[in-house]
Amino acid sequence: MARMIPLNPPPTVVLGEGWELIATEAGRYAAGLMVTLQARNGTLQACQQVPLAHPKKWGAFVQDVAGRSGYTTDAIVAAIHELTEAIEILLRPRRPPPADPHEAHDVATPPTRPHVQANARFLRDIVTDAVDTLAAANEPPTLFMRGSAVVRVAPNDTHAVPLSVAMLRMFLDHAANFERVVRTPDGEVRVPDRPPHDVCESILAVPPQGALPRLTNIRSVPVLLPDGRLLADDGYDHDSGVLLRLHGLDDLRTDMSVPEAKAWLFRELLGDFPFADEASRAHTLALLLEPFLRPMIKGPTPLYLIDAPTRGSGKGLLADVACLIASGRKADVMSLVHGNAEGHEKRITALLLAGAPWVLIDNATSLISAPLAAVLTATQWRGRRLGKSEIVDVPNDATWVATGNNVELGDYPVAVSSAQKHQPGETA
């Protein structure tokens, strides 16, 4: 039966001016994750159990805190979202200790955490110690520099997530024992403390160069590197900055000749697709090969357009087939809403920051977009994050694909059209 358990240390988000939102306990129920939230301003101001899976039920607590603190409901809702990741990390199941003491050698001994004094010191010194402990604990690496942003790639995941203050506080708390020095009549005493909020903000605002490994690509297939190496070992490669997540590749054939592989591609894989001409077939072959060769290409790559005169010609299926071969899953999808250049910019930024290896613009009617034209001619992208005023720099290493019927092209020469012809008797 589910029950609420105390969170130690309790995740905290600072609203400002002394106001904090604190998650004190949480539990998983049939309806989802339930958490007890407190709003404090030196003293307890509000407390309520909130179902994190149902944001519509946050209303009473959010309105109560907004009325007391003067902060907007949007700021309070954003703070609750920020707490969620830290709560999930705390609630992850951990391996229990062995019942037989003779089996203790099979269980990793928890590392001795360094101690960091979190008060009565210059901010720069606390930040330096915090960064050092974070870097030492980041092995094998899960925290990276993706362009100018600090991101996390969870084990077995293929997407990077920008690190929030709440997430960074949680990682710092696991990396070191933060303590506060308190003066008593008997002398100074060290008491446990949480990683300071301003320290976390400083690390994320100006990430220390060289402390975290750079993340250039996340791939799910072996890739060729600029120096000619074939990278085929699961995990992070420090020299290239490529993170490989290889799953389900144990039974692949490695003895197929080039003519046999070519015949398989064109006859077995692509034989039933109604290409308009040989150029379209060649463009599709380039689309299939690019994800394996992308780290070798220093410049921008073209957008691959899978165009057709009518619906029902197999455009989406061809895009899915190509993406599944290259990544083992379907592509990350974005839409191009006419006249929403700001939305295009933020969506492109979010996908590149996440390290998406493949971006699909599905069912496009027009590819006229200033942000899209900019990213297709750049190797480094600079844009605003979703929900933030922050501007980040990230590498543009994705394969860009679009599908549509009679698509209107933008004014950039890098687009490659892979057209299909309509087959008699096909339905729209």
Protein backbone atom coordinates (compact mmCIF):
# COMPACT_ATOMS: atom_id res chain seq x y z
CA MET A 1 0.00 0.00 0.00
CA ALA A 2 1.38 3.43 -0.94
CA ARG A 3 2.35 5.83 1.81
CA MET A 4 3.98 9.21 2.16
CA ILE A 5 7.68 9.10 3.02
CA PRO A 6 9.87 12.00 4.23
CA LEU A 7 12.20 13.54 1.66
CA ASN A 8 15.71 13.95 2.98
CA PRO A 9 17.03 16.43 2.10
CA PRO A 10 13.77 18.14 1.16
CA PRO A 11 13.99 19.65 -2.36
CA THR A 12 13.62 23.42 -2.26
CA VAL A 13 13.00 26.18 -4.80
CA VAL A 14 13.59 29.80 -3.80
CA LEU A 15 10.94 32.19 -5.12
CA GLY A 16 12.84 35.22 -3.81
CA GLU A 17 12.69 37.74 -0.95
CA GLY A 18 12.91 34.91 1.59
CA TRP A 19 10.08 32.84 0.10
CA GLU A 20 10.74 29.13 -0.51
CA LEU A 21 8.70 26.17 -1.76
CA ILE A 22 9.75 22.97 0.00
CA ALA A 23 8.70 19.37 -0.73
CA THR A 24 8.75 17.60 2.64
CA GLU A 25 7.26 14.18 1.82
CA ALA A 26 6.01 12.26 -1.20
CA GLY A 27 4.40 8.97 -2.17
CA ARG A 28 3.30 7.10 -5.28
CA TYR A 29 -0.38 6.25 -5.49
CA ALA A 30 -2.63 4.83 -8.19
CA ALA A 31 -3.50 8.37 -9.27
CA GLY A 32 0.17 9.35 -9.52
CA LEU A 33 2.82 11.06 -7.43
CA MET A 34 1.52 12.92 -4.35
CA VAL A 35 3.73 15.44 -2.53
CA THR A 36 3.37 17.64 0.55
CA LEU A 37 4.40 21.19 -0.32
CA GLN A 38 5.19 23.93 2.14
CA ALA A 39 5.54 27.64 1.44
CA ARG A 40 7.84 29.38 3.91
CA ASN A 41 8.95 32.93 4.50
CA GLY A 42 10.99 32.34 7.63
CA THR A 43 7.95 30.59 9.09
CA LEU A 44 5.37 28.21 7.64
CA GLN A 45 2.86 30.13 5.52
CA ALA A 46 1.01 27.38 3.64
CA CYS A 47 1.03 23.59 3.50
CA GLN A 48 -0.94 21.18 1.29
CA GLN A 49 -0.72 17.77 -0.34
CA VAL A 50 -0.54 18.26 -4.11
CA PRO A 51 -0.97 15.61 -6.86
CA LEU A 52 1.93 16.35 -9.22
CA ALA A 53 0.31 14.35 -12.05
CA HIS A 54 -2.76 16.64 -12.05
CA PRO A 55 -1.73 20.32 -12.39
CA LYS A 56 -5.38 21.39 -12.49
CA LYS A 57 -5.65 20.36 -8.82
CA TRP A 58 -2.81 22.68 -7.76
CA GLY A 59 -5.09 25.70 -7.94
CA ALA A 60 -5.98 26.17 -4.27
CA PHE A 61 -2.38 25.90 -3.09
CA VAL A 62 -1.04 28.10 -5.89
CA GLN A 63 -3.64 30.80 -5.27
CA ASP A 64 -3.01 30.69 -1.52
CA VAL A 65 0.76 31.13 -1.92
CA ALA A 66 0.30 33.82 -4.60
CA GLY A 67 -1.99 35.79 -2.29
CA ARG A 68 0.42 35.59 0.63
CA SER A 69 3.71 36.10 -1.22
CA GLY A 70 2.76 38.50 -4.00
CA TYR A 71 4.38 36.28 -6.64
CA THR A 72 2.46 35.37 -9.79
CA THR A 73 0.71 32.04 -10.15
CA ASP A 74 2.92 31.30 -13.19
CA ALA A 75 6.05 31.66 -11.04
CA ILE A 76 4.66 29.32 -8.40
CA VAL A 77 3.57 26.73 -10.98
CA ALA A 78 7.05 26.89 -12.56
CA ALA A 79 8.60 26.31 -9.12
CA ILE A 80 6.45 23.20 -8.60
CA HIS A 81 7.55 21.86 -12.00
CA GLU A 82 11.17 22.52 -11.01
CA LEU A 83 10.72 20.48 -7.83
CA THR A 84 9.38 17.47 -9.71
CA GLU A 85 12.70 16.24 -11.16
CA ALA A 86 14.44 16.42 -7.79
CA ILE A 87 11.58 14.50 -6.15
CA GLU A 88 11.76 11.80 -8.83
CA ILE A 89 15.51 11.37 -8.20
CA LEU A 90 14.93 10.95 -4.46
CA LEU A 91 12.18 8.37 -4.96
CA ARG A 92 14.15 6.12 -7.31
CA PRO A 93 14.51 2.62 -5.85
CA ARG A 94 17.91 1.76 -4.48
CA ARG A 95 19.50 -1.66 -4.24
CA PRO A 96 18.95 -3.07 -0.71
CA PRO A 97 21.93 -4.32 1.31
CA PRO A 98 22.56 -8.09 1.22
CA ALA A 99 20.91 -10.22 3.89
CA ASP A 100 24.06 -12.35 4.19
CA PRO A 101 27.05 -10.32 5.46
CA HIS A 102 29.35 -12.60 3.44
CA GLU A 103 27.78 -11.13 0.29
CA ALA A 104 28.80 -7.61 1.26
CA HIS A 105 31.66 -7.61 -1.22
CA ASP A 106 29.07 -7.60 -4.05
CA VAL A 107 27.68 -4.26 -2.89
CA ALA A 108 29.51 -1.06 -3.76
CA THR A 109 30.68 0.79 -0.65
CA PRO A 110 29.27 4.34 -0.58
CA PRO A 111 32.09 6.81 -1.28
CA THR A 112 33.36 9.09 1.44
CA ARG A 113 31.86 12.42 0.54
CA PRO A 114 33.99 15.55 0.87
CA HIS A 115 32.80 18.29 3.23
CA VAL A 116 31.97 21.76 1.94
CA GLN A 117 31.42 24.69 4.30
CA ALA A 118 28.42 26.56 2.93
CA ASN A 119 28.51 29.75 5.02
CA ALA A 120 30.92 32.43 6.26
CA ARG A 121 32.96 32.17 3.05
CA PHE A 122 33.24 34.03 -0.23
CA LEU A 123 30.78 32.84 -2.85
CA ARG A 124 33.60 32.17 -5.32
CA ASP A 125 35.28 29.76 -2.90
CA ILE A 126 32.07 27.83 -2.23
CA VAL A 127 31.40 27.63 -5.99
CA THR A 128 34.92 26.31 -6.63
CA ASP A 129 34.56 23.58 -3.99
CA ALA A 130 31.06 22.68 -5.24
CA VAL A 131 32.26 22.36 -8.83
CA ASP A 132 35.25 20.23 -7.79
CA THR A 133 33.04 17.77 -5.88
CA LEU A 134 30.50 17.66 -8.70
CA ALA A 135 33.20 16.88 -11.27
CA ALA A 136 34.74 14.16 -9.06
CA ALA A 137 31.36 12.45 -8.60
CA ASN A 138 30.46 12.64 -12.31
CA GLU A 139 31.92 9.27 -13.33
CA PRO A 140 30.71 7.68 -15.50
CA PRO A 141 29.47 11.05 -16.72
CA THR A 142 25.80 11.95 -16.71
CA LEU A 143 26.30 15.73 -16.50
CA PHE A 144 27.72 17.48 -19.56
CA MET A 145 28.27 20.83 -21.23
CA ARG A 146 26.02 20.97 -24.29
CA GLY A 147 27.16 24.16 -25.96
CA SER A 148 26.85 26.86 -23.28
CA ALA A 149 24.34 24.95 -21.11
CA VAL A 150 24.74 22.33 -18.38
CA VAL A 151 22.65 19.25 -19.21
CA ARG A 152 22.00 15.79 -17.85
CA VAL A 153 21.62 12.55 -19.80
CA ALA A 154 20.04 9.87 -17.62
CA PRO A 155 21.39 6.31 -17.88
CA ASN A 156 19.95 4.52 -20.94
CA ASP A 157 18.38 7.79 -22.17
CA THR A 158 19.11 9.43 -25.52
CA HIS A 159 18.00 12.98 -24.73
CA ALA A 160 19.78 15.67 -22.74
CA VAL A 161 17.78 17.66 -20.18
CA PRO A 162 18.90 21.19 -19.17
CA LEU A 163 19.82 21.21 -15.50
CA SER A 164 17.58 23.26 -13.23
CA VAL A 165 18.59 24.74 -9.88
CA ALA A 166 16.58 22.07 -8.02
CA MET A 167 18.27 19.27 -9.99
CA LEU A 168 21.74 20.74 -9.44
CA ARG A 169 21.12 21.06 -5.69
CA MET A 170 20.19 17.39 -5.61
CA PHE A 171 23.35 16.31 -7.47
CA LEU A 172 25.54 18.50 -5.27
CA ASP A 173 23.94 17.03 -2.15
CA HIS A 174 24.81 13.54 -3.37
CA ALA A 175 28.35 14.60 -4.29
CA ALA A 176 29.33 16.32 -1.00
CA ASN A 177 28.26 16.93 2.58
CA PHE A 178 27.40 20.61 2.77
CA GLU A 179 27.68 22.02 6.26
CA ARG A 180 27.01 25.29 8.06
CA VAL A 181 29.32 26.49 10.84
CA VAL A 182 27.33 27.61 13.90
CA ARG A 183 28.89 29.41 16.85
CA THR A 184 27.82 28.11 20.27
CA PRO A 185 28.99 28.87 23.83
CA ASP A 186 31.15 25.75 23.55
CA GLY A 187 32.73 26.80 20.25
CA GLU A 188 31.98 26.24 16.58
CA VAL A 189 29.77 23.34 15.55
CA ARG A 190 29.22 22.03 12.02
CA VAL A 191 25.62 21.16 11.19
CA PRO A 192 24.26 19.65 7.94
CA ASP A 193 23.03 22.14 5.37
CA ARG A 194 21.60 22.16 1.86
CA PRO A 195 23.70 23.32 -1.11
CA PRO A 196 23.16 27.10 -1.27
CA HIS A 197 20.71 28.32 -3.87
CA ASP A 198 22.98 31.17 -5.02
CA VAL A 199 25.86 28.72 -5.54
CA CYS A 200 23.70 26.63 -7.87
CA GLU A 201 22.53 29.73 -9.73
CA SER A 202 26.14 30.86 -10.18
CA ILE A 203 27.23 27.49 -11.58
CA LEU A 204 24.37 27.41 -14.09
CA ALA A 205 24.75 31.09 -15.04
CA VAL A 206 28.50 30.84 -15.72
CA PRO A 207 29.36 27.14 -16.11
CA PRO A 208 33.00 26.44 -15.24
CA GLN A 209 34.99 25.56 -18.33
CA GLY A 210 36.59 22.12 -18.28
CA ALA A 211 34.83 20.87 -15.14
CA LEU A 212 32.20 18.88 -17.05
CA PRO A 213 32.77 16.91 -20.27
CA ARG A 214 31.48 18.41 -23.50
CA LEU A 215 28.62 16.66 -25.28
CA THR A 216 28.86 16.94 -29.06
CA ASN A 217 26.48 14.13 -30.11
CA ILE A 218 24.14 11.50 -28.71
CA ARG A 219 23.88 8.53 -31.02
CA SER A 220 22.25 5.09 -30.94
CA VAL A 221 24.37 3.56 -33.71
CA PRO A 222 28.12 3.29 -34.32
CA VAL A 223 29.50 6.41 -36.00
CA LEU A 224 32.60 7.42 -37.92
CA LEU A 225 34.63 10.20 -36.30
CA PRO A 226 36.58 12.99 -38.03
CA ASP A 227 39.88 11.16 -37.36
CA GLY A 228 38.59 8.09 -39.21
CA ARG A 229 37.87 5.99 -36.12
CA LEU A 230 34.75 3.85 -35.97
CA LEU A 231 33.18 4.53 -32.59
CA ALA A 232 31.30 1.36 -31.64
CA ASP A 233 31.70 1.09 -27.85
CA ASP A 234 28.74 1.92 -25.64
CA GLY A 235 29.26 4.93 -23.38
CA TYR A 236 30.95 8.31 -23.54
CA ASP A 237 34.04 8.94 -25.68
CA HIS A 238 36.08 11.74 -24.09
CA ASP A 239 38.15 12.46 -27.19
CA SER A 240 35.21 13.14 -29.51
CA GLY A 241 32.51 14.13 -27.00
CA VAL A 242 30.11 11.56 -28.49
CA LEU A 243 27.79 9.60 -26.19
CA LEU A 244 26.76 6.22 -27.61
CA ARG A 245 23.65 4.47 -26.36
CA LEU A 246 23.82 1.12 -28.16
CA HIS A 247 20.84 -1.14 -27.45
CA GLY A 248 19.72 -4.21 -29.37
CA LEU A 249 22.73 -4.30 -31.71
CA ASP A 250 24.22 -7.59 -30.54
CA ASP A 251 22.93 -9.70 -33.45
CA LEU A 252 23.88 -7.44 -36.34
CA ARG A 253 25.61 -8.95 -39.35
CA THR A 254 29.16 -7.76 -39.93
CA ASP A 255 30.03 -9.98 -42.89
CA MET A 256 27.75 -8.41 -45.54
CA SER A 257 29.57 -7.37 -48.72
CA VAL A 258 29.06 -3.93 -50.27
CA PRO A 259 27.08 -5.27 -53.29
CA GLU A 260 24.89 -7.36 -50.97
CA ALA A 261 24.29 -4.39 -48.66
CA LYS A 262 23.45 -2.16 -51.63
CA ALA A 263 20.98 -4.74 -52.98
CA TRP A 264 19.35 -5.06 -49.56
CA LEU A 265 18.93 -1.29 -49.25
CA PHE A 266 17.47 -0.68 -52.71
CA ARG A 267 15.46 -3.88 -53.17
CA GLU A 268 14.38 -5.05 -49.72
CA LEU A 269 14.20 -1.78 -47.80
CA LEU A 270 13.30 0.81 -50.43
CA GLY A 271 11.95 -1.36 -53.25
CA ASP A 272 8.25 -0.63 -52.62
CA PHE A 273 8.56 3.15 -52.27
CA PRO A 274 7.36 4.98 -55.42
CA PHE A 275 10.31 7.27 -56.11
CA ALA A 276 9.84 9.77 -58.91
CA ASP A 277 13.36 9.36 -60.29
CA GLU A 278 16.85 8.10 -59.53
CA ALA A 279 17.83 11.43 -57.97
CA SER A 280 15.13 10.95 -55.34
CA ARG A 281 16.39 7.45 -54.62
CA ALA A 282 19.94 8.79 -54.27
CA HIS A 283 18.76 11.51 -51.87
CA THR A 284 17.09 8.85 -49.73
CA LEU A 285 20.30 6.82 -49.62
CA ALA A 286 22.13 9.96 -48.44
CA LEU A 287 19.45 10.41 -45.78
CA LEU A 288 20.05 6.85 -44.55
CA LEU A 289 23.82 7.27 -44.41
CA GLU A 290 24.10 10.76 -42.92
CA PRO A 291 23.46 9.84 -39.22
CA PHE A 292 26.39 7.40 -39.34
CA LEU A 293 28.68 9.99 -40.96
CA ARG A 294 27.44 13.21 -39.33
CA PRO A 295 30.38 13.60 -36.88
CA MET A 296 32.75 13.57 -39.89
CA ILE A 297 30.97 16.51 -41.55
CA LYS A 298 32.24 19.86 -40.27
CA GLY A 299 29.77 22.06 -42.13
CA PRO A 300 25.96 22.23 -42.22
CA THR A 301 23.97 19.52 -43.97
CA PRO A 302 20.88 19.93 -46.18
CA LEU A 303 17.30 19.43 -45.16
CA TYR A 304 15.87 16.29 -46.79
CA LEU A 305 12.41 16.96 -48.18
CA ILE A 306 10.18 13.93 -48.84
CA ASP A 307 7.62 15.52 -51.14
CA ALA A 308 4.61 14.11 -52.99
CA PRO A 309 1.72 15.45 -55.07
CA THR A 310 -0.96 13.70 -52.98
CA ARG A 311 -1.57 12.13 -49.59
CA GLY A 312 -1.08 8.40 -49.02
CA SER A 313 2.20 8.15 -50.93
CA GLY A 314 4.29 6.82 -48.04
CA LYS A 315 6.14 10.00 -47.05
CA GLY A 316 5.76 9.48 -43.30
CA LEU A 317 6.59 5.79 -43.56
CA LEU A 318 9.80 6.55 -45.45
CA ALA A 319 10.83 9.09 -42.80
CA ASP A 320 10.06 6.61 -40.01
CA VAL A 321 12.01 3.82 -41.71
CA ALA A 322 15.09 6.01 -42.14
CA CYS A 323 14.94 7.29 -38.56
CA LEU A 324 14.38 3.84 -37.05
CA ILE A 325 17.48 2.53 -38.82
CA ALA A 326 19.58 5.42 -37.55
CA SER A 327 18.26 5.73 -34.00
CA GLY A 328 16.01 2.81 -33.12
CA ARG A 329 13.01 5.10 -32.59
CA LYS A 330 10.85 7.59 -34.42
CA ALA A 331 12.06 11.13 -34.99
CA ASP A 332 11.50 14.17 -32.78
CA VAL A 333 8.76 16.14 -34.53
CA MET A 334 8.25 19.89 -34.84
CA SER A 335 5.69 21.89 -36.77
CA LEU A 336 6.06 25.12 -38.72
CA VAL A 337 3.10 27.36 -37.92
CA HIS A 338 3.03 30.24 -40.39
CA GLY A 339 4.00 33.57 -38.85
CA ASN A 340 5.33 32.09 -35.57
CA ALA A 341 9.06 32.70 -36.00
CA GLU A 342 9.61 33.06 -32.24
CA GLY A 343 8.01 29.66 -31.66
CA HIS A 344 10.18 28.13 -34.39
CA GLU A 345 13.31 29.53 -32.75
CA LYS A 346 12.47 28.16 -29.30
CA ARG A 347 11.46 24.75 -30.63
CA ILE A 348 14.70 24.46 -32.65
CA THR A 349 16.70 25.48 -29.57
CA ALA A 350 14.95 22.90 -27.38
CA LEU A 351 15.56 20.06 -29.85
CA LEU A 352 19.24 20.89 -30.40
CA LEU A 353 19.83 21.39 -26.67
CA ALA A 354 18.33 17.93 -26.07
CA GLY A 355 20.81 16.48 -28.57
CA ALA A 356 18.09 15.23 -30.92
CA PRO A 357 19.94 13.37 -33.70
CA TRP A 358 16.99 13.65 -36.08
CA VAL A 359 14.35 16.39 -36.48
CA LEU A 360 11.23 15.81 -38.56
CA ILE A 361 9.02 18.66 -39.82
CA ASP A 362 5.91 16.62 -40.52
CA ASN A 363 3.12 17.46 -42.97
CA ALA A 364 4.64 20.80 -43.93
CA THR A 365 2.91 23.04 -46.45
CA SER A 366 5.65 25.65 -46.50
CA LEU A 367 9.28 25.66 -45.36
CA ILE A 368 9.53 29.45 -45.42
CA SER A 369 10.84 30.28 -41.94
CA ALA A 370 13.70 32.60 -41.00
CA PRO A 371 14.82 30.48 -38.00
CA LEU A 372 14.74 27.30 -40.12
CA ALA A 373 16.78 28.97 -42.87
CA ALA A 374 19.27 30.15 -40.24
CA VAL A 375 19.76 26.76 -38.59
CA LEU A 376 20.14 24.94 -41.91
CA THR A 377 23.11 27.14 -42.82
CA ALA A 378 24.82 27.10 -39.40
CA THR A 379 26.95 24.65 -37.46
CA GLN A 380 26.36 26.52 -34.19
CA TRP A 381 22.89 27.69 -33.16
CA ARG A 382 22.11 30.55 -30.81
CA GLY A 383 18.54 30.83 -29.58
CA ARG A 384 16.18 31.28 -26.67
CA ARG A 385 15.04 28.40 -24.49
CA LEU A 386 11.40 27.44 -24.09
CA GLY A 387 9.89 29.14 -21.05
CA LYS A 388 13.06 31.16 -20.42
CA SER A 389 14.52 34.49 -21.48
CA GLU A 390 17.93 32.79 -21.45
CA ILE A 391 19.89 32.52 -24.72
CA VAL A 392 22.07 29.45 -25.25
CA ASP A 393 24.61 28.34 -27.84
CA VAL A 394 24.37 24.72 -29.01
CA PRO A 395 25.92 22.75 -31.86
CA ASN A 396 23.68 21.96 -34.81
CA ASP A 397 24.45 18.29 -35.43
CA ALA A 398 20.97 16.99 -36.28
CA THR A 399 19.70 15.44 -39.49
CA TRP A 400 16.82 17.63 -40.74
CA VAL A 401 13.89 16.03 -42.59
CA ALA A 402 10.54 17.37 -43.80
CA THR A 403 7.50 15.71 -45.34
CA GLY A 404 4.58 17.27 -47.17
CA ASN A 405 2.53 17.56 -50.33
CA ASN A 406 3.71 20.12 -52.89
CA VAL A 407 5.73 21.92 -50.24
CA GLU A 408 6.68 25.57 -50.76
CA LEU A 409 10.44 25.92 -50.28
CA GLY A 410 12.30 28.70 -48.52
CA ASP A 411 15.02 30.82 -50.04
CA TYR A 412 18.01 28.70 -49.07
CA PRO A 413 19.99 26.49 -51.43
CA VAL A 414 20.71 23.69 -48.98
CA ALA A 415 17.35 21.93 -49.22
CA VAL A 416 17.33 18.58 -51.05
CA SER A 417 14.05 17.32 -52.46
CA SER A 418 13.28 13.60 -52.43
CA ALA A 419 10.04 13.60 -54.40
CA GLN A 420 7.64 10.70 -54.84
CA LYS A 421 5.18 10.10 -57.62
CA HIS A 422 1.54 9.22 -57.09
CA GLN A 423 0.65 5.64 -57.97
CA PRO A 424 -2.60 4.99 -59.89
CA GLY A 425 -5.22 3.50 -57.66
CA GLU A 426 -3.76 4.91 -54.40
CA THR A 427 -6.14 6.57 -52.00
CA ALA A 428 -5.46 9.95 -50.50
